[in-house]
Amino acid sequence: MQNWISKWFAREREFVNQIYNGPVESLLEFDVPHIYHHLQPGSELLLHLEVAGNQERIAVYYRQFKLGYIPTAYSPVLTELLQRGFFLKSKISKVLREKYLPTEHIEISITDQITQA
């Protein structure tokens, strides 16, 4: 009985530390058509805060290649965390594509450092 409870609490802790799990927008506007064959579930990504006009957006990069943006609805929360110096770990959780065609859909997972430890 106690083993089941500890497993349940461990899953609950991981869920609390999950910050974002969803799609990347604007995939075909940037470098994805050129590097799609390198993008696999588990690949680590980088997040950068970019300012365009008066709007702040979170850009998603694989190495030096720009993949797209986090949806605008989630940008204020992630922007606040990045500006406060939180270390956010992001990786690809799902890639949808057809054989020999560029990636159509990428989902990423963003967690805090505690979940990864």
N, C-alpha and C. Protein backbone atom coordinates (compact mmCIF):
# COMPACT_ATOMS: atom_id res chain seq x y z
N MET A 1 0.82 -1.19 0.00
CA MET A 1 0.00 0.00 0.00
C MET A 1 0.87 1.26 0.00
N GLN A 2 1.90 1.27 0.81
CA GLN A 2 2.74 2.45 0.91
C GLN A 2 3.49 2.69 -0.41
N ASN A 3 3.89 1.64 -1.12
CA ASN A 3 4.58 1.78 -2.40
C ASN A 3 3.67 2.48 -3.41
N TRP A 4 2.39 2.12 -3.45
CA TRP A 4 1.45 2.76 -4.37
C TRP A 4 1.32 4.25 -4.06
N ILE A 5 1.26 4.61 -2.79
CA ILE A 5 1.12 6.02 -2.39
C ILE A 5 2.36 6.81 -2.80
N SER A 6 3.56 6.25 -2.59
CA SER A 6 4.78 6.98 -2.95
C SER A 6 4.86 7.17 -4.47
N LYS A 7 4.43 6.17 -5.26
CA LYS A 7 4.42 6.33 -6.72
C LYS A 7 3.44 7.42 -7.14
N TRP A 8 2.27 7.46 -6.50
CA TRP A 8 1.27 8.47 -6.82
C TRP A 8 1.80 9.87 -6.52
N PHE A 9 2.42 10.06 -5.38
CA PHE A 9 2.98 11.36 -5.03
C PHE A 9 4.12 11.75 -5.97
N ALA A 10 4.93 10.80 -6.40
CA ALA A 10 6.01 11.09 -7.35
C ALA A 10 5.43 11.58 -8.66
N ARG A 11 4.36 10.94 -9.16
CA ARG A 11 3.72 11.40 -10.40
C ARG A 11 3.12 12.78 -10.22
N GLU A 12 2.51 13.02 -9.07
CA GLU A 12 1.91 14.32 -8.80
C GLU A 12 2.98 15.41 -8.78
N ARG A 13 4.14 15.13 -8.22
CA ARG A 13 5.23 16.10 -8.17
C ARG A 13 5.70 16.45 -9.58
N GLU A 14 5.83 15.44 -10.43
CA GLU A 14 6.25 15.69 -11.81
C GLU A 14 5.23 16.55 -12.53
N PHE A 15 3.94 16.31 -12.30
CA PHE A 15 2.89 17.08 -12.95
C PHE A 15 2.95 18.55 -12.52
N VAL A 16 3.21 18.80 -11.25
CA VAL A 16 3.28 20.17 -10.75
C VAL A 16 4.43 20.93 -11.41
N ASN A 17 5.54 20.26 -11.69
CA ASN A 17 6.70 20.91 -12.27
C ASN A 17 6.65 21.01 -13.79
N GLN A 18 5.62 20.46 -14.41
CA GLN A 18 5.44 20.57 -15.86
C GLN A 18 4.91 21.98 -16.14
N ILE A 19 5.65 22.77 -16.89
CA ILE A 19 5.28 24.15 -17.15
C ILE A 19 4.50 24.27 -18.46
N TYR A 20 4.93 23.56 -19.47
CA TYR A 20 4.26 23.61 -20.76
C TYR A 20 4.46 22.29 -21.49
N ASN A 21 3.42 21.81 -22.12
CA ASN A 21 3.50 20.63 -22.96
C ASN A 21 2.55 20.85 -24.12
N GLY A 22 3.10 21.26 -25.25
CA GLY A 22 2.24 21.57 -26.37
C GLY A 22 3.02 21.87 -27.64
N PRO A 23 2.33 22.42 -28.63
CA PRO A 23 2.94 22.60 -29.95
C PRO A 23 3.85 23.82 -30.05
N VAL A 24 4.65 23.81 -31.10
CA VAL A 24 5.46 24.96 -31.50
C VAL A 24 4.78 25.56 -32.73
N GLU A 25 4.61 26.88 -32.73
CA GLU A 25 3.96 27.57 -33.85
C GLU A 25 4.96 28.02 -34.90
N SER A 26 4.49 28.24 -36.12
CA SER A 26 5.26 28.81 -37.24
C SER A 26 6.42 27.92 -37.68
N LEU A 27 6.23 26.62 -37.69
CA LEU A 27 7.31 25.70 -38.03
C LEU A 27 7.90 25.92 -39.42
N LEU A 28 7.07 26.12 -40.41
CA LEU A 28 7.56 26.20 -41.78
C LEU A 28 8.14 27.55 -42.15
N GLU A 29 8.05 28.54 -41.26
CA GLU A 29 8.59 29.86 -41.54
C GLU A 29 10.08 29.98 -41.23
N PHE A 30 10.64 29.03 -40.52
CA PHE A 30 12.03 29.14 -40.08
C PHE A 30 12.86 27.97 -40.61
N ASP A 31 13.71 27.37 -39.78
CA ASP A 31 14.70 26.39 -40.23
C ASP A 31 14.22 24.93 -40.27
N VAL A 32 13.01 24.64 -39.85
CA VAL A 32 12.54 23.26 -39.76
C VAL A 32 12.63 22.51 -41.10
N PRO A 33 12.23 23.10 -42.23
CA PRO A 33 12.33 22.34 -43.49
C PRO A 33 13.76 21.89 -43.83
N HIS A 34 14.77 22.56 -43.28
CA HIS A 34 16.16 22.22 -43.59
C HIS A 34 16.76 21.19 -42.62
N ILE A 35 16.20 21.08 -41.42
CA ILE A 35 16.80 20.20 -40.41
C ILE A 35 15.83 19.17 -39.85
N TYR A 36 14.68 18.99 -40.48
CA TYR A 36 13.63 18.13 -39.92
C TYR A 36 14.11 16.71 -39.62
N HIS A 37 15.05 16.19 -40.37
CA HIS A 37 15.54 14.83 -40.16
C HIS A 37 16.35 14.68 -38.87
N HIS A 38 16.77 15.78 -38.26
CA HIS A 38 17.51 15.74 -36.99
C HIS A 38 16.59 15.81 -35.78
N LEU A 39 15.34 16.17 -35.97
CA LEU A 39 14.43 16.40 -34.86
C LEU A 39 13.78 15.09 -34.43
N GLN A 40 14.09 14.66 -33.21
CA GLN A 40 13.59 13.40 -32.66
C GLN A 40 13.05 13.64 -31.26
N PRO A 41 12.09 12.85 -30.80
CA PRO A 41 11.64 12.96 -29.41
C PRO A 41 12.82 12.79 -28.45
N GLY A 42 12.89 13.65 -27.48
CA GLY A 42 13.99 13.64 -26.51
C GLY A 42 15.09 14.63 -26.82
N SER A 43 15.11 15.19 -28.04
CA SER A 43 16.14 16.18 -28.38
C SER A 43 15.96 17.43 -27.52
N GLU A 44 17.07 17.92 -26.97
CA GLU A 44 17.00 19.10 -26.12
C GLU A 44 16.90 20.37 -26.96
N LEU A 45 16.15 21.32 -26.44
CA LEU A 45 15.90 22.58 -27.13
C LEU A 45 16.31 23.75 -26.25
N LEU A 46 16.47 24.91 -26.86
CA LEU A 46 16.78 26.14 -26.15
C LEU A 46 15.63 27.11 -26.30
N LEU A 47 15.39 27.89 -25.26
CA LEU A 47 14.35 28.92 -25.30
C LEU A 47 15.00 30.29 -25.21
N HIS A 48 14.59 31.19 -26.10
CA HIS A 48 15.12 32.55 -26.09
C HIS A 48 13.97 33.54 -26.11
N LEU A 49 14.11 34.58 -25.33
CA LEU A 49 13.12 35.66 -25.31
C LEU A 49 13.44 36.61 -26.45
N GLU A 50 12.47 36.86 -27.33
CA GLU A 50 12.66 37.78 -28.45
C GLU A 50 11.59 38.87 -28.38
N VAL A 51 12.01 40.08 -28.71
CA VAL A 51 11.09 41.22 -28.71
C VAL A 51 10.91 41.68 -30.14
N ALA A 52 9.66 41.65 -30.60
CA ALA A 52 9.32 42.13 -31.94
C ALA A 52 8.29 43.25 -31.79
N GLY A 53 8.72 44.48 -32.03
CA GLY A 53 7.83 45.62 -31.80
C GLY A 53 7.61 45.78 -30.31
N ASN A 54 6.37 45.72 -29.88
CA ASN A 54 6.08 45.82 -28.45
C ASN A 54 5.65 44.47 -27.87
N GLN A 55 5.86 43.40 -28.61
CA GLN A 55 5.44 42.06 -28.19
C GLN A 55 6.65 41.18 -27.89
N GLU A 56 6.61 40.51 -26.73
CA GLU A 56 7.66 39.56 -26.37
C GLU A 56 7.17 38.15 -26.67
N ARG A 57 8.03 37.39 -27.33
CA ARG A 57 7.68 36.00 -27.68
C ARG A 57 8.84 35.10 -27.27
N ILE A 58 8.52 33.84 -27.03
CA ILE A 58 9.52 32.85 -26.68
C ILE A 58 9.83 32.03 -27.93
N ALA A 59 11.06 32.15 -28.42
CA ALA A 59 11.50 31.40 -29.59
C ALA A 59 12.10 30.07 -29.15
N VAL A 60 11.89 29.05 -29.95
CA VAL A 60 12.38 27.71 -29.67
C VAL A 60 13.49 27.39 -30.68
N TYR A 61 14.65 26.97 -30.16
CA TYR A 61 15.80 26.66 -31.01
C TYR A 61 16.26 25.23 -30.77
N TYR A 62 16.68 24.58 -31.85
CA TYR A 62 17.40 23.32 -31.78
C TYR A 62 18.82 23.66 -32.23
N ARG A 63 19.76 23.59 -31.29
CA ARG A 63 21.12 24.07 -31.51
C ARG A 63 21.04 25.53 -31.96
N GLN A 64 21.55 25.90 -33.14
CA GLN A 64 21.47 27.29 -33.57
C GLN A 64 20.31 27.52 -34.54
N PHE A 65 19.46 26.51 -34.76
CA PHE A 65 18.38 26.60 -35.73
C PHE A 65 17.06 26.96 -35.06
N LYS A 66 16.42 27.97 -35.58
CA LYS A 66 15.14 28.42 -35.02
C LYS A 66 14.02 27.53 -35.56
N LEU A 67 13.21 26.99 -34.63
CA LEU A 67 12.11 26.12 -35.01
C LEU A 67 10.79 26.89 -35.12
N GLY A 68 10.57 27.82 -34.20
CA GLY A 68 9.30 28.56 -34.17
C GLY A 68 9.12 29.22 -32.82
N TYR A 69 7.86 29.40 -32.43
CA TYR A 69 7.52 30.10 -31.19
C TYR A 69 6.57 29.29 -30.33
N ILE A 70 6.64 29.55 -29.03
CA ILE A 70 5.63 29.05 -28.10
C ILE A 70 4.36 29.86 -28.38
N PRO A 71 3.17 29.26 -28.30
CA PRO A 71 1.95 30.04 -28.53
C PRO A 71 1.86 31.27 -27.62
N THR A 72 1.31 32.33 -28.18
CA THR A 72 1.26 33.62 -27.50
C THR A 72 0.56 33.55 -26.13
N ALA A 73 -0.41 32.68 -25.99
CA ALA A 73 -1.13 32.56 -24.71
C ALA A 73 -0.22 32.14 -23.56
N TYR A 74 0.85 31.41 -23.84
CA TYR A 74 1.77 30.94 -22.80
C TYR A 74 2.99 31.84 -22.63
N SER A 75 3.20 32.77 -23.53
CA SER A 75 4.38 33.62 -23.49
C SER A 75 4.52 34.44 -22.21
N PRO A 76 3.45 35.08 -21.69
CA PRO A 76 3.65 35.90 -20.47
C PRO A 76 4.20 35.11 -19.29
N VAL A 77 3.72 33.91 -19.07
CA VAL A 77 4.19 33.10 -17.94
C VAL A 77 5.65 32.70 -18.14
N LEU A 78 5.96 32.20 -19.33
CA LEU A 78 7.34 31.78 -19.60
C LEU A 78 8.30 32.96 -19.63
N THR A 79 7.85 34.10 -20.14
CA THR A 79 8.69 35.30 -20.14
C THR A 79 9.04 35.71 -18.72
N GLU A 80 8.06 35.68 -17.85
CA GLU A 80 8.30 36.04 -16.44
C GLU A 80 9.31 35.09 -15.81
N LEU A 81 9.18 33.80 -16.05
CA LEU A 81 10.12 32.82 -15.49
C LEU A 81 11.53 33.03 -16.02
N LEU A 82 11.67 33.26 -17.34
CA LEU A 82 12.99 33.47 -17.93
C LEU A 82 13.63 34.76 -17.42
N GLN A 83 12.84 35.82 -17.29
CA GLN A 83 13.38 37.09 -16.80
C GLN A 83 13.81 37.01 -15.34
N ARG A 84 13.17 36.16 -14.56
CA ARG A 84 13.54 35.99 -13.16
C ARG A 84 14.70 35.03 -12.97
N GLY A 85 15.20 34.45 -14.06
CA GLY A 85 16.38 33.61 -13.98
C GLY A 85 16.12 32.13 -13.72
N PHE A 86 14.90 31.67 -13.89
CA PHE A 86 14.61 30.26 -13.71
C PHE A 86 15.25 29.46 -14.84
N PHE A 87 15.79 28.30 -14.50
CA PHE A 87 16.35 27.42 -15.52
C PHE A 87 15.23 26.51 -16.00
N LEU A 88 14.86 26.64 -17.25
CA LEU A 88 13.80 25.82 -17.82
C LEU A 88 14.41 24.81 -18.77
N LYS A 89 14.05 23.56 -18.60
CA LYS A 89 14.55 22.48 -19.44
C LYS A 89 13.47 22.17 -20.47
N SER A 90 13.84 22.17 -21.74
CA SER A 90 12.86 21.88 -22.78
C SER A 90 13.40 20.81 -23.72
N LYS A 91 12.49 19.97 -24.18
CA LYS A 91 12.85 18.92 -25.12
C LYS A 91 11.65 18.57 -25.98
N ILE A 92 11.92 17.93 -27.10
CA ILE A 92 10.86 17.52 -28.01
C ILE A 92 10.16 16.31 -27.40
N SER A 93 8.83 16.37 -27.33
CA SER A 93 8.08 15.24 -26.81
C SER A 93 7.39 14.46 -27.93
N LYS A 94 7.11 15.11 -29.07
CA LYS A 94 6.41 14.43 -30.15
C LYS A 94 6.72 15.10 -31.48
N VAL A 95 6.95 14.30 -32.52
CA VAL A 95 7.21 14.81 -33.86
C VAL A 95 6.27 14.08 -34.83
N LEU A 96 5.50 14.84 -35.59
CA LEU A 96 4.61 14.24 -36.60
C LEU A 96 5.08 14.66 -37.99
N ARG A 97 5.33 13.66 -38.82
CA ARG A 97 5.74 13.94 -40.20
C ARG A 97 5.49 12.70 -41.05
N GLU A 98 5.39 12.93 -42.33
CA GLU A 98 5.28 11.82 -43.28
C GLU A 98 6.66 11.57 -43.87
N LYS A 99 6.87 10.37 -44.33
CA LYS A 99 8.17 9.99 -44.88
C LYS A 99 8.56 10.91 -46.03
N TYR A 100 9.79 11.40 -45.99
CA TYR A 100 10.39 12.28 -47.00
C TYR A 100 9.79 13.68 -47.05
N LEU A 101 8.94 14.03 -46.11
CA LEU A 101 8.35 15.38 -46.07
C LEU A 101 8.77 16.09 -44.79
N PRO A 102 8.86 17.42 -44.84
CA PRO A 102 9.22 18.17 -43.63
C PRO A 102 8.21 17.96 -42.49
N THR A 103 8.66 18.21 -41.30
CA THR A 103 7.85 18.04 -40.11
C THR A 103 6.66 18.99 -40.15
N GLU A 104 5.49 18.46 -39.85
CA GLU A 104 4.26 19.25 -39.84
C GLU A 104 3.90 19.75 -38.44
N HIS A 105 4.31 18.98 -37.43
CA HIS A 105 3.87 19.31 -36.07
C HIS A 105 4.94 18.83 -35.07
N ILE A 106 5.32 19.71 -34.17
CA ILE A 106 6.26 19.36 -33.10
C ILE A 106 5.63 19.78 -31.78
N GLU A 107 5.64 18.87 -30.83
CA GLU A 107 5.22 19.20 -29.47
C GLU A 107 6.44 19.15 -28.58
N ILE A 108 6.51 20.12 -27.66
CA ILE A 108 7.64 20.16 -26.74
C ILE A 108 7.14 20.12 -25.30
N SER A 109 8.03 19.75 -24.43
CA SER A 109 7.77 19.71 -23.00
C SER A 109 8.75 20.65 -22.32
N ILE A 110 8.23 21.53 -21.47
CA ILE A 110 9.08 22.44 -20.71
C ILE A 110 8.85 22.17 -19.23
N THR A 111 9.94 21.88 -18.53
CA THR A 111 9.88 21.61 -17.10
C THR A 111 10.93 22.46 -16.39
N ASP A 112 10.80 22.51 -15.07
CA ASP A 112 11.84 23.21 -14.33
C ASP A 112 12.96 22.23 -13.99
N GLN A 113 14.07 22.75 -13.47
CA GLN A 113 15.26 21.95 -13.23
C GLN A 113 15.01 20.86 -12.20
N ILE A 114 14.13 21.06 -11.25
CA ILE A 114 13.90 20.10 -10.18
C ILE A 114 13.38 18.78 -10.74
N THR A 115 12.50 18.85 -11.74
CA THR A 115 11.94 17.63 -12.33
C THR A 115 13.02 16.80 -12.98
N GLN A 116 14.01 17.43 -13.59
CA GLN A 116 15.06 16.72 -14.31
C GLN A 116 16.11 16.13 -13.38
N ALA A 117 16.20 16.59 -12.15
CA ALA A 117 17.25 16.14 -11.22
C ALA A 117 17.02 14.73 -10.74
